[in-house]
């Protein structure tokens, strides 16, 4: 596999696949589902196509396939974006939350 294409239309969840692509160093082309837009930044960590716009999806796929520099930029951006979803990051975020809750409870 050279490129992950996630042209989801109606709320199917491609988020796990996008994160897996980022983790393995694949460039991503996805639709503009709100859940994708929460994670991906157009032309930084993914190319984002309007849902249901087949000509736009095709044009972006052709651009991505033909532009090695763009693929490299998306891979680099995807690796950065993926860092927000690592187990270490999640555990650190929960640890901070629990510490704040414990502090608030102690003050109450």
Protein backbone atom coordinates (compact mmCIF):
# COMPACT_ATOMS: atom_id res chain seq x y z
CA UNK A 1 0.00 0.00 0.00
CA UNK A 2 1.43 3.39 -0.99
CA UNK A 3 -1.40 5.78 -0.05
CA UNK A 4 -4.36 5.51 2.32
CA UNK A 5 -7.56 6.72 0.71
CA UNK A 6 -10.48 7.19 3.13
CA UNK A 7 -13.31 8.75 1.06
CA UNK A 8 -15.91 8.14 3.78
CA UNK A 9 -19.30 9.76 3.12
CA UNK A 10 -21.68 9.42 6.03
CA UNK A 11 -19.96 9.03 9.33
CA UNK A 12 -18.14 5.79 8.78
CA UNK A 13 -15.17 5.91 11.05
CA UNK A 14 -11.89 5.98 9.17
CA UNK A 15 -10.05 7.53 12.11
CA UNK A 16 -8.28 4.35 13.16
CA UNK A 17 -7.13 3.74 9.60
CA UNK A 18 -5.84 7.31 9.31
CA UNK A 19 -3.88 7.00 12.55
CA UNK A 20 -2.49 3.64 11.42
CA UNK A 21 -1.42 5.18 8.10
CA UNK A 22 0.33 8.00 9.94
CA UNK A 23 2.04 5.53 12.26
CA UNK A 24 3.33 3.46 9.36
CA UNK A 25 4.40 6.39 7.20
CA UNK A 26 1.70 6.45 4.54
CA UNK A 27 0.33 9.66 3.03
CA UNK A 28 -3.42 10.10 3.59
CA UNK A 29 -6.21 11.28 1.29
CA UNK A 30 -9.50 11.49 3.17
CA UNK A 31 -12.93 13.07 2.96
CA UNK A 32 -13.98 16.16 4.85
CA UNK A 33 -16.04 14.33 7.48
CA UNK A 34 -16.05 16.37 10.68
CA UNK A 35 -14.27 13.56 12.54
CA UNK A 36 -11.48 13.64 9.93
CA UNK A 37 -11.26 17.42 10.15
CA UNK A 38 -10.74 17.15 13.92
CA UNK A 39 -7.58 15.12 13.30
CA UNK A 40 -6.17 16.01 9.89
CA UNK A 41 -4.99 19.31 8.47
CA UNK A 42 -5.34 19.75 4.72
CA UNK A 43 -2.00 19.70 2.92
CA UNK A 44 -0.19 19.30 6.26
CA UNK A 45 -1.06 15.79 7.46
CA UNK A 46 -3.51 14.75 4.72
CA UNK A 47 -5.17 15.83 1.53
CA UNK A 48 -8.84 16.43 2.25
CA UNK A 49 -11.48 16.04 -0.47
CA UNK A 50 -15.09 17.18 -0.28
CA UNK A 51 -17.41 14.25 0.45
CA UNK A 52 -18.98 12.82 -2.65
CA UNK A 53 -16.94 14.95 -5.06
CA UNK A 54 -15.45 12.19 -7.21
CA UNK A 55 -13.65 14.56 -9.64
CA UNK A 56 -11.96 16.36 -6.71
CA UNK A 57 -10.98 13.05 -5.10
CA UNK A 58 -9.58 11.83 -8.41
CA UNK A 59 -7.64 15.05 -8.99
CA UNK A 60 -6.14 14.94 -5.49
CA UNK A 61 -5.20 11.28 -5.90
CA UNK A 62 -3.47 12.07 -9.19
CA UNK A 63 -1.66 15.00 -7.59
CA UNK A 64 -0.57 12.88 -4.65
CA UNK A 65 0.56 9.99 -6.82
CA UNK A 66 2.62 12.30 -9.00
CA UNK A 67 4.21 14.53 -6.36
CA UNK A 68 6.87 12.83 -4.25
CA UNK A 69 7.51 16.04 -2.29
CA UNK A 70 3.84 16.34 -1.33
CA UNK A 71 3.77 12.70 -0.22
CA UNK A 72 6.88 13.29 1.91
CA UNK A 73 5.36 16.42 3.51
CA UNK A 74 2.13 14.57 4.32
CA UNK A 75 4.06 11.65 5.81
CA UNK A 76 6.08 14.04 7.99
CA UNK A 77 2.94 15.93 9.02
CA UNK A 78 1.15 12.67 9.71
CA UNK A 79 3.91 11.51 12.03
CA UNK A 80 3.57 14.77 13.98
CA UNK A 81 -0.24 14.48 14.07
CA UNK A 82 0.00 10.85 15.22
CA UNK A 83 1.92 11.89 18.33
CA UNK A 84 -1.36 13.25 19.76
CA UNK A 85 -2.79 9.71 19.68
CA UNK A 86 -0.03 7.61 21.20
CA UNK A 87 -0.58 5.57 24.34
CA UNK A 88 2.05 7.62 26.14
CA UNK A 89 0.26 10.87 25.28
CA UNK A 90 -3.10 9.46 26.35
CA UNK A 91 -1.69 8.21 29.67
CA UNK A 92 0.00 11.55 30.36
CA UNK A 93 -3.24 13.41 29.61
CA UNK A 94 -5.23 11.16 31.96
CA UNK A 95 -2.57 11.48 34.67
CA UNK A 96 -2.83 15.27 34.50
CA UNK A 97 -6.61 15.09 34.63
CA UNK A 98 -6.59 12.77 37.65
CA UNK A 99 -4.05 14.95 39.45
CA UNK A 100 -6.21 18.02 38.87
CA UNK A 101 -9.35 16.19 40.07
CA UNK A 102 -7.53 14.99 43.19
CA UNK A 103 -6.30 18.53 43.89
CA UNK A 104 -9.80 19.94 43.41
CA UNK A 105 -11.26 17.29 45.74
CA UNK A 106 -8.63 18.05 48.39
CA UNK A 107 -9.50 21.74 48.27
CA UNK A 108 -13.24 21.11 48.58
